[in-house]
Amino acid sequence: MTGITTLTGRSYSAKFAPEPSLIQAVRDKHGNDLETWWRQEFGYGFDRLTQSEVRYLERSPDADTIRKKSG
């Protein structure tokens, strides 16, 4: 028996490791308090997210929106 897994997505999702500049952009936009909350809530920082996940956080309007959608 053989198992196969396929991932699909947009071209910006093809890169798993987030760009350090994008992580910094999230920190600059939403402040360090969001990452502190994230670590407490999920047990890891932004550096453990995918490029696509960090991009979502960067595009979110504010930290409260992220907290509400993640909780």
Protein backbone atom coordinates (compact mmCIF):
# COMPACT_ATOMS: atom_id res chain seq x y z
CA MET A 1 0.00 0.00 0.00
CA THR A 2 1.28 3.47 -0.88
CA GLY A 3 0.16 6.76 0.64
CA ILE A 4 0.35 10.09 -1.12
CA THR A 5 -0.05 13.60 0.25
CA THR A 6 -0.45 16.70 -1.88
CA LEU A 7 -0.32 20.31 -0.76
CA THR A 8 -1.91 23.01 -2.83
CA GLY A 9 -2.10 26.74 -2.50
CA ARG A 10 -1.06 30.05 -3.93
CA SER A 11 2.51 30.73 -4.98
CA TYR A 12 3.24 32.72 -1.79
CA SER A 13 2.24 29.61 0.21
CA ALA A 14 4.89 27.47 -1.47
CA LYS A 15 7.52 28.72 0.94
CA PHE A 16 7.09 27.26 4.42
CA ALA A 17 9.68 29.20 6.44
CA PRO A 18 8.60 32.81 6.95
CA GLU A 19 10.82 35.64 5.82
CA PRO A 20 12.42 37.33 8.86
CA SER A 21 11.41 40.71 7.43
CA LEU A 22 7.75 39.62 7.36
CA ILE A 23 7.90 38.45 10.98
CA GLN A 24 9.40 41.82 11.90
CA ALA A 25 6.64 43.60 9.96
CA VAL A 26 4.04 41.76 12.09
CA ARG A 27 5.88 42.72 15.27
CA ASP A 28 6.12 46.34 14.11
CA LYS A 29 2.46 46.50 13.14
CA HIS A 30 0.88 44.68 16.10
CA GLY A 31 3.48 45.13 18.84
CA ASN A 32 5.31 42.57 20.95
CA ASP A 33 2.25 42.01 23.15
CA LEU A 34 0.59 40.00 20.38
CA GLU A 35 3.50 37.58 20.11
CA THR A 36 3.62 37.24 23.91
CA TRP A 37 -0.11 36.39 23.88
CA TRP A 38 0.49 34.00 20.97
CA ARG A 39 3.21 32.15 22.90
CA GLN A 40 0.95 31.81 25.94
CA GLU A 41 -2.02 30.67 23.84
CA PHE A 42 -0.27 28.29 21.43
CA GLY A 43 3.13 27.56 22.99
CA TYR A 44 5.36 28.97 20.23
CA GLY A 45 6.32 32.26 18.61
CA PHE A 46 5.84 33.68 15.15
CA ASP A 47 9.08 32.10 13.96
CA ARG A 48 7.35 28.68 14.05
CA LEU A 49 4.56 29.75 11.69
CA THR A 50 4.53 29.30 7.93
CA GLN A 51 5.06 32.14 5.48
CA SER A 52 1.33 32.08 4.69
CA GLU A 53 0.32 32.24 8.35
CA VAL A 54 2.63 35.17 9.07
CA ARG A 55 1.33 36.89 5.94
CA TYR A 56 -2.21 36.52 7.30
CA LEU A 57 -1.19 38.11 10.60
CA GLU A 58 0.53 40.97 8.78
CA ARG A 59 -2.57 41.65 6.70
CA SER A 60 -4.92 41.58 9.71
CA PRO A 61 -6.13 45.05 10.68
CA ASP A 62 -5.27 44.81 14.39
CA ALA A 63 -4.19 42.49 17.21
CA ASP A 64 -7.70 42.29 18.69
CA THR A 65 -9.05 40.86 15.44
CA ILE A 66 -6.38 38.16 15.51
CA ARG A 67 -7.11 37.29 19.13
CA LYS A 68 -10.87 37.06 18.48
CA LYS A 69 -10.46 34.80 15.44
CA SER A 70 -7.88 32.58 17.16
CA GLY A 71 -9.80 32.05 20.38
